[in-house]
Every structure is written in structure tokens, then in C-alpha cells.
Amino acid sequence: PTADPIHLRQVVTMSFQVTNNLSDPMGPVVLRVQPVRALDNGTVSVKIAHQIAIVGTLQYHIPLINPGAENAVVKQLSACFIEVGKYMFLLSLTDQQGVTIATSSVVVMASK
């Protein structure tokens, strides 16, 4: 999904929700957030120093997620975009052995 444009130097808080749609409890799991810059040639760059400031952690250890939307786990991350551009937050949920359970991404446009 793509969010509304964000103005430079505006601190925004993003929420990431993990819902267990299985019939059994899930966990422990790790939610990882990887901010990247989307480049015009279709690639991404992980070199985002001086382009975005992150407040919070990029890795969340979640001991257990019970089934159902009412048991969803929500984690938050605050960011301040310093340079105009298109940014992506790549999300991955893995088990303790590092096996990927799910992936997703969020696109953010930073403008003046």
C-alpha cells in the first residue's frame, strides 16, 4: 500500500500490525523492518543515512500471537524524512530458525 505524501522534517508514526490467521497460536516470531530508498531505475538502496531518521527499533521479538484479529500485535516506528523521495519499508516475519513466514511492504512518498 502507498500512504499519503509526507512533508520533509515531519515526524510520522507508522504502525505495523501482525495478525495470526491460523487456527493455532504462532510464536515466537521476529518482525523485521528494513527501510530502503526506491530509486528511479526500479532498484532500491539501503544507504539511507542523512535521508531518513528512525526513532525506535527495526526488529521486534514477539513471543506469541494467538489466532484472530482481536489478538493482533501492533508495533510502532517513528520516522522523519530529510530528503525528498520514495521510500519503502520492507517487512518480514520469521520464526526462530529464520524461516520467513510472511512479507509485506509499505511505500512512503516524502515531499517538500
PDB file of N, CA and C in Angstrom:
ATOM      1  N   PRO A   1       0.823  -1.209   0.000  1.00  0.00           N
ATOM      2  CA  PRO A   1       0.000   0.000   0.000  1.00  0.00           C
ATOM      3  C   PRO A   1       0.854   1.255   0.000  1.00  0.00           C
ATOM      4  N   THR A   2       0.323   2.328  -0.522  1.00  0.00           N
ATOM      5  CA  THR A   2       1.006   3.612  -0.550  1.00  0.00           C
ATOM      6  C   THR A   2       0.250   4.595   0.326  1.00  0.00           C
ATOM      7  N   ALA A   3       0.982   5.294   1.175  1.00  0.00           N
ATOM      8  CA  ALA A   3       0.370   6.272   2.069  1.00  0.00           C
ATOM      9  C   ALA A   3       0.344   7.640   1.398  1.00  0.00           C
ATOM     10  N   ASP A   4      -0.354   8.593   2.025  1.00  0.00           N
ATOM     11  CA  ASP A   4      -0.363   9.962   1.538  1.00  0.00           C
ATOM     12  C   ASP A   4       1.049  10.538   1.621  1.00  0.00           C
ATOM     13  N   PRO A   5       1.383  11.546   0.783  1.00  0.00           N
ATOM     14  CA  PRO A   5       2.716  12.158   0.845  1.00  0.00           C
ATOM     15  C   PRO A   5       2.994  12.743   2.227  1.00  0.00           C
ATOM     16  N   ILE A   6       4.229  12.666   2.620  1.00  0.00           N
ATOM     17  CA  ILE A   6       4.679  13.173   3.916  1.00  0.00           C
ATOM     18  C   ILE A   6       5.625  14.328   3.652  1.00  0.00           C
ATOM     19  N   HIS A   7       5.495  15.382   4.431  1.00  0.00           N
ATOM     20  CA  HIS A   7       6.354  16.547   4.267  1.00  0.00           C
ATOM     21  C   HIS A   7       7.702  16.327   4.944  1.00  0.00           C
ATOM     22  N   LEU A   8       8.736  16.920   4.364  1.00  0.00           N
ATOM     23  CA  LEU A   8      10.074  16.813   4.930  1.00  0.00           C
ATOM     24  C   LEU A   8      10.099  17.352   6.354  1.00  0.00           C
ATOM     25  N   ARG A   9      10.917  16.724   7.152  1.00  0.00           N
ATOM     26  CA  ARG A   9      11.136  17.086   8.550  1.00  0.00           C
ATOM     27  C   ARG A   9       9.879  16.970   9.416  1.00  0.00           C
ATOM     28  N   GLN A  10       8.889  16.264   8.916  1.00  0.00           N
ATOM     29  CA  GLN A  10       7.680  15.966   9.675  1.00  0.00           C
ATOM     30  C   GLN A  10       7.859  14.577  10.290  1.00  0.00           C
ATOM     31  N   VAL A  11       7.722  14.475  11.610  1.00  0.00           N
ATOM     32  CA  VAL A  11       7.836  13.177  12.261  1.00  0.00           C
ATOM     33  C   VAL A  11       6.499  12.447  12.118  1.00  0.00           C
ATOM     34  N   VAL A  12       6.564  11.247  11.596  1.00  0.00           N
ATOM     35  CA  VAL A  12       5.360  10.427  11.433  1.00  0.00           C
ATOM     36  C   VAL A  12       5.553   9.122  12.196  1.00  0.00           C
ATOM     37  N   THR A  13       4.463   8.601  12.693  1.00  0.00           N
ATOM     38  CA  THR A  13       4.492   7.315  13.375  1.00  0.00           C
ATOM     39  C   THR A  13       3.737   6.309  12.520  1.00  0.00           C
ATOM     40  N   MET A  14       4.417   5.224  12.221  1.00  0.00           N
ATOM     41  CA  MET A  14       3.812   4.161  11.417  1.00  0.00           C
ATOM     42  C   MET A  14       3.517   2.975  12.327  1.00  0.00           C
ATOM     43  N   SER A  15       2.381   2.353  12.102  1.00  0.00           N
ATOM     44  CA  SER A  15       2.005   1.163  12.863  1.00  0.00           C
ATOM     45  C   SER A  15       2.042  -0.051  11.952  1.00  0.00           C
ATOM     46  N   PHE A  16       2.611  -1.120  12.467  1.00  0.00           N
ATOM     47  CA  PHE A  16       2.688  -2.380  11.743  1.00  0.00           C
ATOM     48  C   PHE A  16       1.913  -3.407  12.556  1.00  0.00           C
ATOM     49  N   GLN A  17       0.922  -4.021  11.940  1.00  0.00           N
ATOM     50  CA  GLN A  17       0.063  -4.977  12.637  1.00  0.00           C
ATOM     51  C   GLN A  17       0.325  -6.388  12.137  1.00  0.00           C
ATOM     52  N   VAL A  18       0.479  -7.312  13.079  1.00  0.00           N
ATOM     53  CA  VAL A  18       0.673  -8.719  12.748  1.00  0.00           C
ATOM     54  C   VAL A  18      -0.524  -9.484  13.300  1.00  0.00           C
ATOM     55  N   THR A  19      -1.252 -10.152  12.407  1.00  0.00           N
ATOM     56  CA  THR A  19      -2.432 -10.923  12.784  1.00  0.00           C
ATOM     57  C   THR A  19      -2.192 -12.390  12.466  1.00  0.00           C
ATOM     58  N   ASN A  20      -2.539 -13.246  13.384  1.00  0.00           N
ATOM     59  CA  ASN A  20      -2.429 -14.685  13.174  1.00  0.00           C
ATOM     60  C   ASN A  20      -3.754 -15.190  12.619  1.00  0.00           C
ATOM     61  N   ASN A  21      -3.765 -15.547  11.339  1.00  0.00           N
ATOM     62  CA  ASN A  21      -4.970 -16.065  10.690  1.00  0.00           C
ATOM     63  C   ASN A  21      -5.049 -17.592  10.740  1.00  0.00           C
ATOM     64  N   LEU A  22      -4.118 -18.214  11.437  1.00  0.00           N
ATOM     65  CA  LEU A  22      -4.131 -19.665  11.579  1.00  0.00           C
ATOM     66  C   LEU A  22      -5.050 -20.048  12.735  1.00  0.00           C
ATOM     67  N   SER A  23      -5.300 -21.333  12.902  1.00  0.00           N
ATOM     68  CA  SER A  23      -6.163 -21.779  13.995  1.00  0.00           C
ATOM     69  C   SER A  23      -5.388 -22.024  15.285  1.00  0.00           C
ATOM     70  N   ASP A  24      -4.044 -22.116  15.190  1.00  0.00           N
ATOM     71  CA  ASP A  24      -3.203 -22.355  16.360  1.00  0.00           C
ATOM     72  C   ASP A  24      -2.376 -21.123  16.688  1.00  0.00           C
ATOM     73  N   PRO A  25      -1.969 -20.988  17.958  1.00  0.00           N
ATOM     74  CA  PRO A  25      -1.074 -19.881  18.315  1.00  0.00           C
ATOM     75  C   PRO A  25       0.216 -19.952  17.508  1.00  0.00           C
ATOM     76  N   MET A  26       0.826 -18.801  17.277  1.00  0.00           N
ATOM     77  CA  MET A  26       2.051 -18.707  16.491  1.00  0.00           C
ATOM     78  C   MET A  26       3.105 -18.001  17.337  1.00  0.00           C
ATOM     79  N   GLY A  27       4.299 -18.536  17.349  1.00  0.00           N
ATOM     80  CA  GLY A  27       5.372 -17.854  18.053  1.00  0.00           C
ATOM     81  C   GLY A  27       6.347 -18.842  18.657  1.00  0.00           C
ATOM     82  N   PRO A  28       7.471 -18.320  19.058  1.00  0.00           N
ATOM     83  CA  PRO A  28       7.883 -16.926  18.931  1.00  0.00           C
ATOM     84  C   PRO A  28       8.266 -16.586  17.485  1.00  0.00           C
ATOM     85  N   VAL A  29       8.094 -15.315  17.148  1.00  0.00           N
ATOM     86  CA  VAL A  29       8.413 -14.824  15.809  1.00  0.00           C
ATOM     87  C   VAL A  29       9.180 -13.505  15.929  1.00  0.00           C
ATOM     88  N   VAL A  30       9.797 -13.118  14.822  1.00  0.00           N
ATOM     89  CA  VAL A  30      10.533 -11.855  14.765  1.00  0.00           C
ATOM     90  C   VAL A  30      10.000 -11.041  13.596  1.00  0.00           C
ATOM     91  N   LEU A  31       9.591  -9.806  13.866  1.00  0.00           N
ATOM     92  CA  LEU A  31       9.188  -8.865  12.821  1.00  0.00           C
ATOM     93  C   LEU A  31      10.365  -7.945  12.554  1.00  0.00           C
ATOM     94  N   ARG A  32      10.811  -7.922  11.292  1.00  0.00           N
ATOM     95  CA  ARG A  32      11.925  -7.055  10.907  1.00  0.00           C
ATOM     96  C   ARG A  32      11.416  -6.001   9.922  1.00  0.00           C
ATOM     97  N   VAL A  33      11.898  -4.770  10.127  1.00  0.00           N
ATOM     98  CA  VAL A  33      11.536  -3.649   9.265  1.00  0.00           C
ATOM     99  C   VAL A  33      12.820  -3.131   8.634  1.00  0.00           C
ATOM    100  N   GLN A  34      12.860  -3.101   7.295  1.00  0.00           N
ATOM    101  CA  GLN A  34      14.043  -2.625   6.579  1.00  0.00           C
ATOM    102  C   GLN A  34      13.667  -1.406   5.739  1.00  0.00           C
ATOM    103  N   PRO A  35      14.045  -0.195   6.182  1.00  0.00           N
ATOM    104  CA  PRO A  35      13.778   0.975   5.356  1.00  0.00           C
ATOM    105  C   PRO A  35      14.775   1.047   4.196  1.00  0.00           C
ATOM    106  N   VAL A  36      14.271   1.348   3.001  1.00  0.00           N
ATOM    107  CA  VAL A  36      15.114   1.487   1.812  1.00  0.00           C
ATOM    108  C   VAL A  36      14.614   2.670   0.987  1.00  0.00           C
ATOM    109  N   ARG A  37      15.452   3.146   0.105  1.00  0.00           N
ATOM    110  CA  ARG A  37      15.092   4.214  -0.825  1.00  0.00           C
ATOM    111  C   ARG A  37      14.813   3.594  -2.178  1.00  0.00           C
ATOM    112  N   ALA A  38      13.650   3.866  -2.740  1.00  0.00           N
ATOM    113  CA  ALA A  38      13.308   3.365  -4.073  1.00  0.00           C
ATOM    114  C   ALA A  38      13.905   4.306  -5.106  1.00  0.00           C
ATOM    115  N   LEU A  39      14.729   3.768  -5.991  1.00  0.00           N
ATOM    116  CA  LEU A  39      15.404   4.584  -6.999  1.00  0.00           C
ATOM    117  C   LEU A  39      14.606   4.579  -8.304  1.00  0.00           C
ATOM    118  N   ASP A  40      14.884   5.570  -9.153  1.00  0.00           N
ATOM    119  CA  ASP A  40      14.163   5.727 -10.417  1.00  0.00           C
ATOM    120  C   ASP A  40      14.341   4.551 -11.368  1.00  0.00           C
ATOM    121  N   ASN A  41      15.447   3.825 -11.246  1.00  0.00           N
ATOM    122  CA  ASN A  41      15.703   2.716 -12.171  1.00  0.00           C
ATOM    123  C   ASN A  41      15.045   1.406 -11.721  1.00  0.00           C
ATOM    124  N   GLY A  42      14.205   1.474 -10.672  1.00  0.00           N
ATOM    125  CA  GLY A  42      13.481   0.290 -10.221  1.00  0.00           C
ATOM    126  C   GLY A  42      14.186  -0.508  -9.140  1.00  0.00           C
ATOM    127  N   THR A  43      15.383  -0.080  -8.772  1.00  0.00           N
ATOM    128  CA  THR A  43      16.099  -0.775  -7.704  1.00  0.00           C
ATOM    129  C   THR A  43      15.903  -0.016  -6.393  1.00  0.00           C
ATOM    130  N   VAL A  44      16.452  -0.577  -5.326  1.00  0.00           N
ATOM    131  CA  VAL A  44      16.378   0.088  -4.029  1.00  0.00           C
ATOM    132  C   VAL A  44      17.778   0.241  -3.457  1.00  0.00           C
ATOM    133  N   SER A  45      17.921   1.205  -2.578  1.00  0.00           N
ATOM    134  CA  SER A  45      19.198   1.441  -1.915  1.00  0.00           C
ATOM    135  C   SER A  45      18.995   1.376  -0.403  1.00  0.00           C
ATOM    136  N   VAL A  46      19.857   0.618   0.264  1.00  0.00           N
ATOM    137  CA  VAL A  46      19.802   0.558   1.719  1.00  0.00           C
ATOM    138  C   VAL A  46      20.634   1.672   2.350  1.00  0.00           C
ATOM    139  N   LYS A  47      21.340   2.427   1.518  1.00  0.00           N
ATOM    140  CA  LYS A  47      22.159   3.544   2.010  1.00  0.00           C
ATOM    141  C   LYS A  47      21.273   4.767   2.168  1.00  0.00           C
ATOM    142  N   ILE A  48      20.685   4.899   3.356  1.00  0.00           N
ATOM    143  CA  ILE A  48      19.727   5.987   3.583  1.00  0.00           C
ATOM    144  C   ILE A  48      20.166   6.930   4.698  1.00  0.00           C
ATOM    145  N   ALA A  49      21.435   6.851   5.088  1.00  0.00           N
ATOM    146  CA  ALA A  49      21.946   7.772   6.101  1.00  0.00           C
ATOM    147  C   ALA A  49      21.770   9.202   5.605  1.00  0.00           C
ATOM    148  N   HIS A  50      21.361  10.085   6.464  1.00  0.00           N
ATOM    149  CA  HIS A  50      21.122  11.502   6.161  1.00  0.00           C
ATOM    150  C   HIS A  50      19.907  11.726   5.259  1.00  0.00           C
ATOM    151  N   GLN A  51      19.108  10.689   5.013  1.00  0.00           N
ATOM    152  CA  GLN A  51      17.890  10.824   4.215  1.00  0.00           C
ATOM    153  C   GLN A  51      16.639  10.587   5.061  1.00  0.00           C
ATOM    154  N   ILE A  52      16.787   9.785   6.106  1.00  0.00           N
ATOM    155  CA  ILE A  52      15.675   9.466   6.984  1.00  0.00           C
ATOM    156  C   ILE A  52      16.227   9.195   8.385  1.00  0.00           C
ATOM    157  N   ALA A  53      15.516   9.693   9.376  1.00  0.00           N
ATOM    158  CA  ALA A  53      15.888   9.436  10.769  1.00  0.00           C
ATOM    159  C   ALA A  53      14.818   8.535  11.378  1.00  0.00           C
ATOM    160  N   ILE A  54      15.252   7.449  11.979  1.00  0.00           N
ATOM    161  CA  ILE A  54      14.344   6.468  12.568  1.00  0.00           C
ATOM    162  C   ILE A  54      14.401   6.587  14.085  1.00  0.00           C
ATOM    163  N   VAL A  55      13.239   6.604  14.705  1.00  0.00           N
ATOM    164  CA  VAL A  55      13.146   6.586  16.152  1.00  0.00           C
ATOM    165  C   VAL A  55      12.424   5.299  16.525  1.00  0.00           C
ATOM    166  N   GLY A  56      13.133   4.409  17.156  1.00  0.00           N
ATOM    167  CA  GLY A  56      12.543   3.127  17.511  1.00  0.00           C
ATOM    168  C   GLY A  56      13.418   1.996  17.019  1.00  0.00           C
ATOM    169  N   THR A  57      12.906   0.801  17.151  1.00  0.00           N
ATOM    170  CA  THR A  57      13.667  -0.375  16.763  1.00  0.00           C
ATOM    171  C   THR A  57      13.178  -0.909  15.422  1.00  0.00           C
ATOM    172  N   LEU A  58      14.065  -1.588  14.722  1.00  0.00           N
ATOM    173  CA  LEU A  58      13.719  -2.166  13.423  1.00  0.00           C
ATOM    174  C   LEU A  58      13.506  -3.676  13.515  1.00  0.00           C
ATOM    175  N   GLN A  59      13.581  -4.193  14.741  1.00  0.00           N
ATOM    176  CA  GLN A  59      13.385  -5.627  14.938  1.00  0.00           C
ATOM    177  C   GLN A  59      12.600  -5.841  16.221  1.00  0.00           C
ATOM    178  N   TYR A  60      11.529  -6.601  16.117  1.00  0.00           N
ATOM    179  CA  TYR A  60      10.647  -6.840  17.252  1.00  0.00           C
ATOM    180  C   TYR A  60      10.520  -8.337  17.493  1.00  0.00           C
ATOM    181  N   HIS A  61      10.840  -8.775  18.700  1.00  0.00           N
ATOM    182  CA  HIS A  61      10.656 -10.171  19.090  1.00  0.00           C
ATOM    183  C   HIS A  61       9.269 -10.300  19.702  1.00  0.00           C
ATOM    184  N   ILE A  62       8.452 -11.165  19.124  1.00  0.00           N
ATOM    185  CA  ILE A  62       7.078 -11.351  19.576  1.00  0.00           C
ATOM    186  C   ILE A  62       6.959 -12.785  20.090  1.00  0.00           C
ATOM    187  N   PRO A  63       6.743 -12.958  21.405  1.00  0.00           N
ATOM    188  CA  PRO A  63       6.743 -14.304  21.966  1.00  0.00           C
ATOM    189  C   PRO A  63       5.592 -15.185  21.501  1.00  0.00           C
ATOM    190  N   LEU A  64       4.394 -14.627  21.355  1.00  0.00           N
ATOM    191  CA  LEU A  64       3.232 -15.435  20.996  1.00  0.00           C
ATOM    192  C   LEU A  64       2.158 -14.551  20.381  1.00  0.00           C
ATOM    193  N   ILE A  65       1.533 -15.059  19.316  1.00  0.00           N
ATOM    194  CA  ILE A  65       0.388 -14.375  18.718  1.00  0.00           C
ATOM    195  C   ILE A  65      -0.744 -15.394  18.651  1.00  0.00           C
ATOM    196  N   ASN A  66      -1.787 -15.149  19.408  1.00  0.00           N
ATOM    197  CA  ASN A  66      -2.943 -16.038  19.391  1.00  0.00           C
ATOM    198  C   ASN A  66      -3.762 -15.784  18.128  1.00  0.00           C
ATOM    199  N   PRO A  67      -4.537 -16.778  17.693  1.00  0.00           N
ATOM    200  CA  PRO A  67      -5.355 -16.616  16.478  1.00  0.00           C
ATOM    201  C   PRO A  67      -6.411 -15.518  16.625  1.00  0.00           C
ATOM    202  N   GLY A  68      -6.757 -14.900  15.509  1.00  0.00           N
ATOM    203  CA  GLY A  68      -7.848 -13.927  15.468  1.00  0.00           C
ATOM    204  C   GLY A  68      -7.394 -12.487  15.443  1.00  0.00           C
ATOM    205  N   ALA A  69      -8.178 -11.664  14.763  1.00  0.00           N
ATOM    206  CA  ALA A  69      -7.869 -10.237  14.614  1.00  0.00           C
ATOM    207  C   ALA A  69      -7.823  -9.519  15.958  1.00  0.00           C
ATOM    208  N   GLU A  70      -8.627  -9.978  16.917  1.00  0.00           N
ATOM    209  CA  GLU A  70      -8.659  -9.322  18.231  1.00  0.00           C
ATOM    210  C   GLU A  70      -7.352  -9.520  19.008  1.00  0.00           C
ATOM    211  N   ASN A  71      -6.515 -10.455  18.564  1.00  0.00           N
ATOM    212  CA  ASN A  71      -5.233 -10.724  19.217  1.00  0.00           C
ATOM    213  C   ASN A  71      -4.045 -10.174  18.423  1.00  0.00           C
ATOM    214  N   ALA A  72      -4.311  -9.359  17.431  1.00  0.00           N
ATOM    215  CA  ALA A  72      -3.235  -8.800  16.595  1.00  0.00           C
ATOM    216  C   ALA A  72      -2.236  -8.035  17.450  1.00  0.00           C
ATOM    217  N   VAL A  73      -0.986  -8.103  17.045  1.00  0.00           N
ATOM    218  CA  VAL A  73       0.095  -7.389  17.720  1.00  0.00           C
ATOM    219  C   VAL A  73       0.444  -6.178  16.863  1.00  0.00           C
ATOM    220  N   VAL A  74       0.494  -5.001  17.479  1.00  0.00           N
ATOM    221  CA  VAL A  74       0.808  -3.768  16.765  1.00  0.00           C
ATOM    222  C   VAL A  74       2.125  -3.204  17.297  1.00  0.00           C
ATOM    223  N   LYS A  75       3.043  -2.916  16.407  1.00  0.00           N
ATOM    224  CA  LYS A  75       4.321  -2.296  16.749  1.00  0.00           C
ATOM    225  C   LYS A  75       4.404  -0.970  16.014  1.00  0.00           C
ATOM    226  N   GLN A  76       5.056   0.018  16.630  1.00  0.00           N
ATOM    227  CA  GLN A  76       5.143   1.344  16.025  1.00  0.00           C
ATOM    228  C   GLN A  76       6.585   1.767  15.817  1.00  0.00           C
ATOM    229  N   LEU A  77       6.760   2.608  14.816  1.00  0.00           N
ATOM    230  CA  LEU A  77       8.063   3.138  14.454  1.00  0.00           C
ATOM    231  C   LEU A  77       7.866   4.577  14.009  1.00  0.00           C
ATOM    232  N   SER A  78       8.659   5.481  14.542  1.00  0.00           N
ATOM    233  CA  SER A  78       8.584   6.889  14.124  1.00  0.00           C
ATOM    234  C   SER A  78       9.744   7.199  13.188  1.00  0.00           C
ATOM    235  N   ALA A  79       9.461   8.045  12.199  1.00  0.00           N
ATOM    236  CA  ALA A  79      10.482   8.406  11.213  1.00  0.00           C
ATOM    237  C   ALA A  79      10.333   9.868  10.831  1.00  0.00           C
ATOM    238  N   CYS A  80      11.454  10.467  10.467  1.00  0.00           N
ATOM    239  CA  CYS A  80      11.480  11.830   9.961  1.00  0.00           C
ATOM    240  C   CYS A  80      12.263  11.796   8.649  1.00  0.00           C
ATOM    241  N   PHE A  81      11.618  12.194   7.576  1.00  0.00           N
ATOM    242  CA  PHE A  81      12.241  12.151   6.252  1.00  0.00           C
ATOM    243  C   PHE A  81      12.964  13.469   6.004  1.00  0.00           C
ATOM    244  N   ILE A  82      14.233  13.375   5.646  1.00  0.00           N
ATOM    245  CA  ILE A  82      15.094  14.549   5.497  1.00  0.00           C
ATOM    246  C   ILE A  82      15.274  14.914   4.028  1.00  0.00           C
ATOM    247  N   GLU A  83      15.105  13.942   3.143  1.00  0.00           N
ATOM    248  CA  GLU A  83      15.311  14.172   1.713  1.00  0.00           C
ATOM    249  C   GLU A  83      14.083  13.709   0.934  1.00  0.00           C
ATOM    250  N   VAL A  84      13.710  14.500  -0.087  1.00  0.00           N
ATOM    251  CA  VAL A  84      12.576  14.160  -0.941  1.00  0.00           C
ATOM    252  C   VAL A  84      12.843  12.818  -1.626  1.00  0.00           C
ATOM    253  N   GLY A  85      11.815  11.997  -1.727  1.00  0.00           N
ATOM    254  CA  GLY A  85      11.973  10.738  -2.443  1.00  0.00           C
ATOM    255  C   GLY A  85      10.923   9.722  -2.077  1.00  0.00           C
ATOM    256  N   LYS A  86      11.057   8.573  -2.711  1.00  0.00           N
ATOM    257  CA  LYS A  86      10.161   7.449  -2.474  1.00  0.00           C
ATOM    258  C   LYS A  86      10.906   6.440  -1.598  1.00  0.00           C
ATOM    259  N   TYR A  87      10.307   6.111  -0.476  1.00  0.00           N
ATOM    260  CA  TYR A  87      10.909   5.179   0.464  1.00  0.00           C
ATOM    261  C   TYR A  87      10.000   3.975   0.634  1.00  0.00           C
ATOM    262  N   MET A  88      10.617   2.852   0.946  1.00  0.00           N
ATOM    263  CA  MET A  88       9.853   1.633   1.202  1.00  0.00           C
ATOM    264  C   MET A  88      10.282   1.070   2.551  1.00  0.00           C
ATOM    265  N   PHE A  89       9.324   0.508   3.244  1.00  0.00           N
ATOM    266  CA  PHE A  89       9.606  -0.215   4.469  1.00  0.00           C
ATOM    267  C   PHE A  89       9.274  -1.681   4.176  1.00  0.00           C
ATOM    268  N   LEU A  90      10.313  -2.485   4.064  1.00  0.00           N
ATOM    269  CA  LEU A  90      10.157  -3.902   3.763  1.00  0.00           C
ATOM    270  C   LEU A  90       9.973  -4.641   5.083  1.00  0.00           C
ATOM    271  N   LEU A  91       8.914  -5.425   5.177  1.00  0.00           N
ATOM    272  CA  LEU A  91       8.581  -6.124   6.411  1.00  0.00           C
ATOM    273  C   LEU A  91       8.726  -7.619   6.208  1.00  0.00           C
ATOM    274  N   SER A  92       9.307  -8.290   7.185  1.00  0.00           N
ATOM    275  CA  SER A  92       9.372  -9.750   7.135  1.00  0.00           C
ATOM    276  C   SER A  92       9.104 -10.306   8.525  1.00  0.00           C
ATOM    277  N   LEU A  93       8.373 -11.396   8.547  1.00  0.00           N
ATOM    278  CA  LEU A  93       8.064 -12.109   9.778  1.00  0.00           C
ATOM    279  C   LEU A  93       8.713 -13.480   9.672  1.00  0.00           C
ATOM    280  N   THR A  94       9.591 -13.800  10.620  1.00  0.00           N
ATOM    281  CA  THR A  94      10.311 -15.071  10.581  1.00  0.00           C
ATOM    282  C   THR A  94      10.116 -15.833  11.891  1.00  0.00           C
ATOM    283  N   ASP A  95      10.319 -17.158  11.806  1.00  0.00           N
ATOM    284  CA  ASP A  95      10.280 -17.955  13.030  1.00  0.00           C
ATOM    285  C   ASP A  95      11.668 -17.936  13.660  1.00  0.00           C
ATOM    286  N   GLN A  96      11.845 -18.665  14.758  1.00  0.00           N
ATOM    287  CA  GLN A  96      13.130 -18.655  15.479  1.00  0.00           C
ATOM    288  C   GLN A  96      14.284 -19.207  14.654  1.00  0.00           C
ATOM    289  N   GLN A  97      13.977 -20.065  13.678  1.00  0.00           N
ATOM    290  CA  GLN A  97      15.029 -20.631  12.840  1.00  0.00           C
ATOM    291  C   GLN A  97      15.370 -19.726  11.656  1.00  0.00           C
ATOM    292  N   GLY A  98      14.673 -18.592  11.536  1.00  0.00           N
ATOM    293  CA  GLY A  98      14.941 -17.664  10.445  1.00  0.00           C
ATOM    294  C   GLY A  98      14.145 -17.943   9.187  1.00  0.00           C
ATOM    295  N   VAL A  99      13.206 -18.875   9.260  1.00  0.00           N
ATOM    296  CA  VAL A  99      12.369 -19.190   8.100  1.00  0.00           C
ATOM    297  C   VAL A  99      11.309 -18.104   7.953  1.00  0.00           C
ATOM    298  N   THR A 100      11.190 -17.554   6.761  1.00  0.00           N
ATOM    299  CA  THR A 100      10.228 -16.481   6.514  1.00  0.00           C
ATOM    300  C   THR A 100       8.817 -17.027   6.495  1.00  0.00           C
ATOM    301  N   ILE A 101       7.962 -16.405   7.306  1.00  0.00           N
ATOM    302  CA  ILE A 101       6.555 -16.787   7.391  1.00  0.00           C
ATOM    303  C   ILE A 101       5.714 -15.886   6.489  1.00  0.00           C
ATOM    304  N   ALA A 102       6.036 -14.594   6.473  1.00  0.00           N
ATOM    305  CA  ALA A 102       5.265 -13.634   5.666  1.00  0.00           C
ATOM    306  C   ALA A 102       6.133 -12.422   5.369  1.00  0.00           C
ATOM    307  N   THR A 103       5.808 -11.739   4.253  1.00  0.00           N
ATOM    308  CA  THR A 103       6.484 -10.493   3.886  1.00  0.00           C
ATOM    309  C   THR A 103       5.436  -9.481   3.426  1.00  0.00           C
ATOM    310  N   SER A 104       5.796  -8.224   3.520  1.00  0.00           N
ATOM    311  CA  SER A 104       4.940  -7.147   3.041  1.00  0.00           C
ATOM    312  C   SER A 104       5.806  -5.910   2.866  1.00  0.00           C
ATOM    313  N   SER A 105       5.217  -4.839   2.350  1.00  0.00           N
ATOM    314  CA  SER A 105       5.948  -3.585   2.223  1.00  0.00           C
ATOM    315  C   SER A 105       4.987  -2.415   2.289  1.00  0.00           C
ATOM    316  N   VAL A 106       5.539  -1.279   2.698  1.00  0.00           N
ATOM    317  CA  VAL A 106       4.785  -0.031   2.760  1.00  0.00           C
ATOM    318  C   VAL A 106       5.595   1.010   1.995  1.00  0.00           C
ATOM    319  N   VAL A 107       4.936   1.766   1.121  1.00  0.00           N
ATOM    320  CA  VAL A 107       5.611   2.799   0.332  1.00  0.00           C
ATOM    321  C   VAL A 107       5.230   4.172   0.894  1.00  0.00           C
ATOM    322  N   VAL A 108       6.245   5.021   1.052  1.00  0.00           N
ATOM    323  CA  VAL A 108       6.041   6.369   1.569  1.00  0.00           C
ATOM    324  C   VAL A 108       6.688   7.360   0.611  1.00  0.00           C
ATOM    325  N   MET A 109       5.948   8.409   0.248  1.00  0.00           N
ATOM    326  CA  MET A 109       6.495   9.476  -0.590  1.00  0.00           C
ATOM    327  C   MET A 109       6.774  10.687   0.293  1.00  0.00           C
ATOM    328  N   ALA A 110       8.013  11.116   0.310  1.00  0.00           N
ATOM    329  CA  ALA A 110       8.397  12.312   1.074  1.00  0.00           C
ATOM    330  C   ALA A 110       8.518  13.470   0.105  1.00  0.00           C
ATOM    331  N   SER A 111       7.801  14.560   0.392  1.00  0.00           N
ATOM    332  CA  SER A 111       7.817  15.735  -0.499  1.00  0.00           C
ATOM    333  C   SER A 111       8.043  16.998   0.309  1.00  0.00           C
ATOM    334  N   LYS A 112       8.326  18.093  -0.403  1.00  0.00           N
ATOM    335  CA  LYS A 112       8.567  19.386   0.265  1.00  0.00           C
ATOM    336  C   LYS A 112       7.326  19.947   0.867  1.00  0.00           C
TER     337      LYS A 112
END
